[in-house]
Amino acid sequence: MTRKIVYLARRPEFLYRTDCTVLETYCFDDDFGAAYVELDDDAALLSDPGVVAVEEPTTIEPLWEPAHVSESPGDVATIEDVRRLHDVPTGKGTGEGVTVVAMDSGVDTSHPVFSDSAVEQVDVTGDGRGDEVGHGTAVLGQVARLAPEADLISLRIFGSEGQTETNVILRAYEWLHNNVERYDVVNMSWGSREPSQQIDRVHDRLVRKGVRDVVAAGNTGEKAGSPATAETAFGVGACTVEGEMAEFSSYNPESDNPDLAAIGKDCRLAQAGGTTMGNDLEGPWVKASGTSFAAPEVAGMVAKFFSARSVDPAGVERALEAAARDIPGQPRDGAGIVDYRGALREAGEPSEPTPPDEPTPEESDAVVFKVGDRRMAVLDVGADCLPDGFYEATCEERDGERVVRFTRT
């Protein structure tokens, strides 16, 4: 007998009345499910109108790329580089009220990057909590640093071997389908070696329930596997800190993948204790490359966006794509490099909270630099009334006192 994945157009319970041995079942909707079975012959099952397809189980891997890490310790993309290239401000809109799931290898919650984060752990591997690979900690760490007030859920799909199988992926998708009210964003920094039409179908159903996915595009430099090939996948390719596409970043023109690009080369990442992924840096940090790490940067930006704007999942995708900076002559960047602040402008609202009408030196500990006769540059060092940016300063008399009014430009 051989093991197969059976995809169904109804709930999977009827399979117990067939000649196959049912090992696991997965229910995504009343009219859509799957099962992991042992059977001698596909033909009998495929003749059943409730069976959509029968596929071989496949191996799934995290999408990090050890062959493309620079040897020089100085060649490293920090989170400050991410903020600079993608114009991600600090301050308001930090992910509060938003929950992000990472389907990955787990998480080491003792890492200082999670010291202020609420992190829930869900395991579908049977191996328990924690992170024996390091990939999941690195991924969730990128989310936490860009959206520090977001709630995080580690949905563990990789065990200690650093690989997983289709049946485990389907367990995770079942959890995602049945818990859509518990989260807003799901990051998927993994992929199959070949596209699976049925995994893509499971993925598309999930996104259409109102979830904002963020999917790593792949690291082959060419075509990638599922779920990046899904119709609804919001795919992210990898670029360098200089804003050039990484040579390993995958490109699937027929499936419109990727949609955007973010830094994924030589990233400084949180290191899980006892793991060896990537090149060691000083402290609990490593350097690694891959679309795996570009994707959670975008997931963090999406969480930040949701806490700053009232938009639906499709709206944030439209805004990010509309604002993206295209790399001329480069088809592998999708719409282009993410421009977060530009996406906020595309959403039709100010990119930062409007300053109060009467800011005074006593009300603000911002540092103000004069850059013209009436134009000011402001460096916010903790004030709520004057966030970073450029302002036009005007003076007026009010109740016998001179008041300076700052208008953001």
Protein backbone atom coordinates (compact mmCIF):
# COMPACT_ATOMS: atom_id res chain seq x y z
CA MET A 1 0.00 0.00 0.00
CA THR A 2 1.15 3.55 -0.71
CA ARG A 3 0.42 6.77 1.12
CA LYS A 4 -1.44 9.52 -0.71
CA ILE A 5 -3.15 12.82 -0.06
CA VAL A 6 -6.78 12.81 -1.18
CA TYR A 7 -8.52 16.15 -1.81
CA LEU A 8 -12.28 16.17 -1.47
CA ALA A 9 -15.33 18.18 -2.50
CA ARG A 10 -17.07 17.32 0.75
CA ARG A 11 -16.27 16.43 4.32
CA PRO A 12 -13.86 13.47 4.58
CA GLU A 13 -15.85 11.11 6.83
CA PHE A 14 -17.17 9.05 3.89
CA LEU A 15 -13.64 7.74 3.24
CA TYR A 16 -13.96 5.40 6.21
CA ARG A 17 -16.46 3.43 4.12
CA THR A 18 -13.98 2.91 1.26
CA ASP A 19 -11.14 0.43 0.78
CA CYS A 20 -8.42 2.88 1.81
CA THR A 21 -6.95 3.17 5.30
CA VAL A 22 -7.54 6.67 6.62
CA LEU A 23 -4.57 8.01 8.60
CA GLU A 24 -5.66 11.64 9.05
CA THR A 25 -8.49 13.88 7.88
CA TYR A 26 -8.62 17.65 7.39
CA CYS A 27 -11.78 19.73 7.10
CA PHE A 28 -11.52 23.24 5.66
CA ASP A 29 -15.19 23.80 4.75
CA ASP A 30 -18.31 21.66 4.45
CA ASP A 31 -17.61 21.29 0.72
CA PHE A 32 -13.84 21.04 0.91
CA GLY A 33 -11.55 18.69 2.82
CA ALA A 34 -8.61 16.33 2.49
CA ALA A 35 -7.26 13.10 3.94
CA TYR A 36 -3.97 11.28 4.34
CA VAL A 37 -4.57 7.65 3.41
CA GLU A 38 -2.98 4.33 2.53
CA LEU A 39 -4.37 2.54 -0.51
CA ASP A 40 -3.51 0.05 -3.23
CA ASP A 41 -5.15 1.75 -6.19
CA ASP A 42 -6.17 5.36 -6.89
CA ALA A 43 -8.70 4.44 -9.56
CA ALA A 44 -11.55 3.44 -7.25
CA LEU A 45 -11.26 6.62 -5.23
CA LEU A 46 -10.98 8.85 -8.28
CA SER A 47 -14.24 7.45 -9.60
CA ASP A 48 -16.06 8.82 -6.55
CA PRO A 49 -17.70 12.20 -7.30
CA GLY A 50 -16.60 13.45 -3.89
CA VAL A 51 -12.90 13.04 -4.74
CA VAL A 52 -11.22 15.97 -6.50
CA ALA A 53 -7.64 14.73 -6.76
CA VAL A 54 -5.11 12.27 -5.36
CA GLU A 55 -1.51 13.45 -4.93
CA GLU A 56 1.76 12.07 -3.64
CA PRO A 57 2.91 13.58 -0.33
CA THR A 58 5.76 16.03 -0.87
CA THR A 59 8.60 17.46 1.19
CA ILE A 60 8.28 21.08 2.32
CA GLU A 61 11.25 23.25 3.26
CA PRO A 62 11.86 26.68 4.80
CA LEU A 63 13.02 29.21 2.23
CA TRP A 64 16.38 30.38 3.51
CA GLU A 65 19.45 30.28 1.29
CA PRO A 66 22.78 29.34 2.94
CA ALA A 67 24.68 29.60 -0.34
CA HIS A 68 23.99 33.32 -0.65
CA VAL A 69 25.31 34.76 2.61
CA SER A 70 28.26 37.16 2.38
CA GLU A 71 31.31 36.05 4.33
CA SER A 72 32.24 39.55 5.51
CA PRO A 73 30.75 40.29 8.97
CA GLY A 74 30.30 43.90 7.89
CA ASP A 75 27.92 42.97 5.09
CA VAL A 76 24.73 42.76 7.10
CA ALA A 77 21.27 44.28 6.66
CA THR A 78 20.00 45.53 10.01
CA ILE A 79 16.42 46.39 10.92
CA GLU A 80 17.46 50.04 10.57
CA ASP A 81 18.41 49.30 6.96
CA VAL A 82 14.97 47.77 6.46
CA ARG A 83 13.31 50.89 7.86
CA ARG A 84 15.45 53.12 5.67
CA LEU A 85 15.00 51.31 2.36
CA HIS A 86 11.29 50.73 2.86
CA ASP A 87 10.58 54.08 4.58
CA VAL A 88 9.05 52.54 7.71
CA PRO A 89 8.66 55.14 10.48
CA THR A 90 8.65 54.38 14.18
CA GLY A 91 5.95 55.75 16.45
CA LYS A 92 2.24 55.37 15.89
CA GLY A 93 0.91 52.30 14.11
CA THR A 94 2.98 49.60 15.82
CA GLY A 95 0.70 46.62 15.30
CA GLU A 96 -1.49 47.08 18.37
CA GLY A 97 -4.67 45.02 18.08
CA VAL A 98 -3.30 42.93 15.20
CA THR A 99 -2.35 39.25 15.39
CA VAL A 100 0.26 37.70 13.09
CA VAL A 101 0.71 33.95 12.61
CA ALA A 102 3.97 32.46 11.33
CA MET A 103 3.78 28.92 9.92
CA ASP A 104 7.34 27.87 10.65
CA SER A 105 9.75 25.93 12.87
CA GLY A 106 8.51 27.34 16.17
CA VAL A 107 9.94 30.12 18.30
CA ASP A 108 12.42 30.67 21.10
CA THR A 109 10.44 33.08 23.26
CA SER A 110 13.45 33.71 25.52
CA HIS A 111 15.12 35.80 22.82
CA PRO A 112 15.15 39.50 23.84
CA VAL A 113 13.41 40.51 20.61
CA PHE A 114 10.21 39.05 22.09
CA SER A 115 10.58 40.62 25.54
CA ASP A 116 7.58 42.91 24.99
CA SER A 117 5.56 40.60 22.73
CA ALA A 118 2.66 38.31 23.49
CA VAL A 119 3.61 35.03 21.80
CA GLU A 120 1.32 31.99 21.59
CA GLN A 121 2.70 28.64 20.43
CA VAL A 122 0.68 26.10 18.45
CA ASP A 123 2.36 22.83 17.43
CA VAL A 124 1.03 20.53 14.69
CA THR A 125 4.22 18.45 14.38
CA GLY A 126 3.89 16.53 17.63
CA ASP A 127 7.38 17.68 18.68
CA GLY A 128 6.18 20.29 21.16
CA ARG A 129 7.09 23.92 21.65
CA GLY A 130 10.33 25.79 21.05
CA ASP A 131 12.48 26.06 17.94
CA GLU A 132 15.12 23.44 17.17
CA VAL A 133 15.92 24.88 13.73
CA GLY A 134 16.05 28.64 14.29
CA HIS A 135 14.12 29.62 11.19
CA GLY A 136 10.85 30.44 12.94
CA THR A 137 12.55 32.58 15.58
CA ALA A 138 14.31 34.57 12.85
CA VAL A 139 11.05 35.03 10.94
CA LEU A 140 8.92 36.10 13.91
CA GLY A 141 11.74 38.33 15.11
CA GLN A 142 11.48 40.42 11.94
CA VAL A 143 7.74 40.82 12.50
CA ALA A 144 8.22 41.79 16.15
CA ARG A 145 10.80 44.47 15.38
CA LEU A 146 8.60 46.21 12.81
CA ALA A 147 5.28 45.74 14.64
CA PRO A 148 6.34 45.48 18.31
CA GLU A 149 2.81 45.67 19.71
CA ALA A 150 1.35 42.97 17.46
CA ASP A 151 0.34 39.68 19.06
CA LEU A 152 2.24 36.72 17.62
CA ILE A 153 1.28 33.10 17.06
CA SER A 154 3.94 30.54 16.22
CA LEU A 155 2.27 27.74 14.23
CA ARG A 156 4.96 25.07 14.24
CA ILE A 157 5.14 22.97 11.05
CA PHE A 158 8.86 22.03 11.04
CA GLY A 159 10.36 19.61 13.53
CA SER A 160 14.00 19.13 14.44
CA GLU A 161 14.93 17.93 10.93
CA GLY A 162 14.06 21.30 9.40
CA GLN A 163 11.69 19.75 6.85
CA THR A 164 8.08 18.66 6.89
CA GLU A 165 5.54 16.78 4.77
CA THR A 166 2.26 17.64 3.09
CA ASN A 167 0.14 16.03 5.80
CA VAL A 168 1.64 18.34 8.45
CA ILE A 169 1.07 21.36 6.21
CA LEU A 170 -2.59 20.35 5.88
CA ARG A 171 -2.90 20.08 9.67
CA ALA A 172 -1.66 23.66 9.89
CA TYR A 173 -4.01 24.85 7.15
CA GLU A 174 -6.91 23.19 8.97
CA TRP A 175 -5.99 25.15 12.10
CA LEU A 176 -5.80 28.36 10.04
CA HIS A 177 -9.17 27.72 8.36
CA ASN A 178 -10.86 26.94 11.67
CA ASN A 179 -9.38 29.91 13.55
CA VAL A 180 -9.68 32.79 11.08
CA GLU A 181 -11.31 34.97 13.72
CA ARG A 182 -8.17 34.76 15.89
CA TYR A 183 -5.63 36.38 13.57
CA ASP A 184 -5.25 38.96 10.81
CA VAL A 185 -2.01 38.12 8.99
CA VAL A 186 -0.29 34.81 8.25
CA ASN A 187 3.34 34.62 7.14
CA MET A 188 4.50 31.62 5.12
CA SER A 189 8.27 31.47 4.63
CA TRP A 190 8.28 27.97 3.15
CA GLY A 191 7.46 26.20 -0.09
CA SER A 192 7.10 22.88 -1.84
CA ARG A 193 9.67 21.80 -4.42
CA GLU A 194 7.01 21.67 -7.14
CA PRO A 195 3.69 23.52 -7.37
CA SER A 196 0.65 21.69 -6.03
CA GLN A 197 -2.64 22.78 -7.53
CA GLN A 198 -4.47 21.42 -4.51
CA ILE A 199 -2.32 23.12 -1.86
CA ASP A 200 -2.81 26.31 -3.83
CA ARG A 201 -6.56 25.68 -3.70
CA VAL A 202 -6.45 25.22 0.08
CA HIS A 203 -4.49 28.46 0.30
CA ASP A 204 -6.87 30.41 -1.94
CA ARG A 205 -9.85 29.31 0.14
CA LEU A 206 -8.12 30.61 3.26
CA VAL A 207 -7.32 34.04 1.81
CA ARG A 208 -10.90 34.42 0.59
CA LYS A 209 -12.08 34.08 4.18
CA GLY A 210 -10.55 37.51 4.87
CA VAL A 211 -7.01 36.60 5.88
CA ARG A 212 -4.02 38.63 4.67
CA ASP A 213 -1.33 36.18 3.66
CA VAL A 214 2.32 37.06 3.07
CA VAL A 215 4.26 34.37 1.20
CA ALA A 216 7.97 33.99 0.46
CA ALA A 217 8.47 33.87 -3.32
CA GLY A 218 11.16 31.17 -3.29
CA ASN A 219 14.93 30.95 -3.63
CA THR A 220 15.61 29.05 -6.84
CA GLY A 221 16.03 32.15 -8.99
CA GLU A 222 13.39 30.62 -11.23
CA LYS A 223 9.96 29.14 -10.64
CA ALA A 224 8.87 28.29 -7.11
CA GLY A 225 6.44 25.84 -5.55
CA SER A 226 3.30 26.20 -3.48
CA PRO A 227 1.90 28.28 -1.85
CA ALA A 228 3.73 31.04 -3.78
CA THR A 229 2.00 29.84 -6.96
CA ALA A 230 -1.51 30.20 -5.50
CA GLU A 231 -3.76 32.67 -7.30
CA THR A 232 -4.30 34.78 -4.18
CA ALA A 233 -0.76 34.52 -2.77
CA PHE A 234 0.75 37.87 -1.79
CA GLY A 235 4.30 36.95 -2.73
CA VAL A 236 7.47 38.70 -1.59
CA GLY A 237 10.80 38.51 -3.38
CA ALA A 238 14.20 39.37 -1.89
CA CYS A 239 16.29 42.44 -2.65
CA THR A 240 19.59 43.70 -1.28
CA VAL A 241 20.13 46.61 1.08
CA GLU A 242 21.15 48.64 -1.99
CA GLY A 243 17.75 48.06 -3.58
CA GLU A 244 18.77 45.48 -6.18
CA MET A 245 17.08 42.11 -6.63
CA ALA A 246 18.88 39.17 -5.01
CA GLU A 247 19.98 36.66 -7.63
CA PHE A 248 18.31 33.76 -5.80
CA SER A 249 14.84 35.37 -5.61
CA SER A 250 12.29 33.34 -7.59
CA TYR A 251 10.07 34.63 -10.36
CA ASN A 252 6.84 33.05 -11.66
CA PRO A 253 5.40 35.33 -14.36
CA GLU A 254 2.48 33.01 -15.14
CA SER A 255 1.33 33.14 -11.51
CA ASP A 256 2.20 36.82 -11.01
CA ASN A 257 4.76 36.01 -8.31
CA PRO A 258 6.21 37.94 -6.57
CA ASP A 259 4.03 40.97 -5.90
CA LEU A 260 6.66 43.01 -4.05
CA ALA A 261 10.29 42.93 -2.94
CA ALA A 262 11.87 43.53 0.47
CA ILE A 263 15.35 43.08 1.93
CA GLY A 264 16.24 39.38 2.08
CA LYS A 265 20.01 39.36 1.58
CA ASP A 266 22.43 39.16 4.53
CA CYS A 267 19.74 39.93 7.11
CA ARG A 268 20.59 40.33 10.80
CA LEU A 269 18.16 37.96 12.48
CA ALA A 270 17.19 36.73 15.92
CA GLN A 271 18.96 33.46 16.77
CA ALA A 272 17.17 30.69 18.66
CA GLY A 273 19.24 29.21 21.46
CA GLY A 274 21.20 26.10 20.51
CA THR A 275 20.60 26.45 16.76
CA THR A 276 23.12 26.84 13.94
CA MET A 277 21.15 28.38 11.07
CA GLY A 278 23.10 31.12 9.31
CA ASN A 279 26.39 32.82 10.16
CA ASP A 280 26.91 33.79 13.80
CA LEU A 281 27.05 37.48 14.69
CA GLU A 282 27.80 39.05 18.05
CA GLY A 283 25.14 38.27 20.64
CA PRO A 284 22.03 36.17 19.96
CA TRP A 285 21.97 37.13 16.29
CA VAL A 286 22.77 35.47 12.97
CA LYS A 287 23.14 36.53 9.37
CA ALA A 288 21.14 34.67 6.73
CA SER A 289 19.62 35.22 3.30
CA GLY A 290 16.37 34.19 1.68
CA THR A 291 12.90 35.29 0.68
CA SER A 292 12.03 33.70 4.05
CA PHE A 293 13.18 36.90 5.73
CA ALA A 294 11.84 39.38 3.18
CA ALA A 295 8.31 38.03 3.72
CA PRO A 296 8.07 38.67 7.49
CA GLU A 297 9.34 42.21 7.00
CA VAL A 298 6.29 42.77 4.81
CA ALA A 299 4.10 40.89 7.31
CA GLY A 300 5.32 43.27 10.01
CA MET A 301 4.58 46.26 7.78
CA VAL A 302 1.10 44.90 7.07
CA ALA A 303 0.42 44.53 10.81
CA LYS A 304 1.68 48.07 11.34
CA PHE A 305 -0.50 49.26 8.46
CA PHE A 306 -3.62 47.60 9.89
CA SER A 307 -3.10 49.36 13.23
CA ALA A 308 -2.69 52.73 11.48
CA ARG A 309 -5.44 52.49 8.87
CA SER A 310 -8.95 51.06 8.56
CA VAL A 311 -8.44 48.90 5.47
CA ASP A 312 -9.31 45.35 4.51
CA PRO A 313 -6.72 42.74 3.43
CA ALA A 314 -7.21 43.57 -0.25
CA GLY A 315 -6.86 47.28 0.50
CA VAL A 316 -3.46 46.96 2.12
CA GLU A 317 -2.24 44.87 -0.83
CA ARG A 318 -3.46 47.50 -3.30
CA ALA A 319 -1.82 50.32 -1.35
CA LEU A 320 1.53 48.53 -1.04
CA GLU A 321 1.60 47.61 -4.72
CA ALA A 322 0.56 51.09 -5.86
CA ALA A 323 3.31 52.74 -3.80
CA ALA A 324 6.08 50.23 -4.59
CA ARG A 325 9.20 51.60 -6.28
CA ASP A 326 9.84 49.67 -9.48
CA ILE A 327 13.38 48.62 -10.35
CA PRO A 328 13.79 49.63 -14.01
CA GLY A 329 14.28 46.70 -16.37
CA GLN A 330 13.82 44.17 -13.57
CA PRO A 331 10.78 41.86 -13.96
CA ARG A 332 11.54 39.84 -10.81
CA ASP A 333 10.55 42.62 -8.39
CA GLY A 334 6.79 42.43 -8.97
CA ALA A 335 5.34 45.91 -8.47
CA GLY A 336 8.67 46.95 -6.96
CA ILE A 337 10.40 47.57 -3.63
CA VAL A 338 8.06 48.20 -0.71
CA ASP A 339 7.53 51.86 0.23
CA TYR A 340 5.58 51.75 3.49
CA ARG A 341 5.02 55.47 3.97
CA GLY A 342 4.02 55.76 0.34
CA ALA A 343 1.44 53.02 0.89
CA LEU A 344 -0.03 55.00 3.77
CA ARG A 345 -0.41 57.95 1.42
CA GLU A 346 -2.06 55.67 -1.15
CA ALA A 347 -4.62 54.76 1.51
CA GLY A 348 -5.80 58.36 1.33
CA GLU A 349 -4.98 59.49 4.86
CA PRO A 350 -2.01 61.32 6.43
CA SER A 351 1.02 59.12 7.00
CA GLU A 352 1.31 60.25 10.63
CA PRO A 353 -1.14 61.66 13.23
CA THR A 354 -1.82 65.38 12.72
CA PRO A 355 0.12 67.57 15.17
CA PRO A 356 -1.91 69.60 17.72
CA ASP A 357 -2.83 73.17 16.87
CA GLU A 358 -0.59 74.71 19.52
CA PRO A 359 2.69 72.85 19.89
CA THR A 360 5.11 74.73 22.14
CA PRO A 361 8.61 73.89 23.37
CA GLU A 362 7.16 72.98 26.77
CA GLU A 363 4.86 70.42 25.12
CA SER A 364 7.55 68.71 23.06
CA ASP A 365 11.06 67.34 23.47
CA ALA A 366 11.49 67.09 19.71
CA VAL A 367 14.68 68.45 18.13
CA VAL A 368 13.99 71.04 15.41
CA PHE A 369 16.50 71.92 12.68
CA LYS A 370 16.02 74.94 10.45
CA VAL A 371 16.46 73.98 6.78
CA GLY A 372 15.03 77.10 5.14
CA ASP A 373 13.42 80.45 5.84
CA ARG A 374 10.22 78.80 7.04
CA ARG A 375 10.85 75.06 6.63
CA MET A 376 11.84 72.91 9.60
CA ALA A 377 13.08 69.33 9.93
CA VAL A 378 11.92 67.60 13.12
CA LEU A 379 13.61 64.66 14.83
CA ASP A 380 11.13 63.16 17.30
CA VAL A 381 12.83 61.94 20.48
CA GLY A 382 9.76 60.86 22.34
CA ALA A 383 7.18 63.55 21.66
CA ASP A 384 3.69 62.75 20.45
CA CYS A 385 2.99 66.20 19.06
CA LEU A 386 5.81 66.44 16.50
CA PRO A 387 6.60 63.15 14.78
CA ASP A 388 9.56 62.89 12.39
CA GLY A 389 9.18 64.94 9.22
CA PHE A 390 9.34 68.37 7.59
CA TYR A 391 7.17 71.30 8.72
CA GLU A 392 6.45 74.90 7.75
CA ALA A 393 6.70 77.12 10.83
CA THR A 394 4.52 80.26 11.14
CA CYS A 395 4.26 82.69 14.06
CA GLU A 396 1.09 84.39 15.25
CA GLU A 397 -0.13 86.40 18.22
CA ARG A 398 -2.59 84.65 20.53
CA ASP A 399 -3.77 86.11 23.85
CA GLY A 400 -0.83 88.45 23.90
CA GLU A 401 1.72 85.68 23.33
CA ARG A 402 3.63 84.58 20.25
CA VAL A 403 2.70 81.03 19.23
CA VAL A 404 4.54 78.93 16.64
CA ARG A 405 2.34 76.75 14.43
CA PHE A 406 3.94 73.77 12.65
CA THR A 407 2.26 72.56 9.45
CA ARG A 408 3.53 69.24 8.08
CA THR A 409 4.77 69.46 4.47
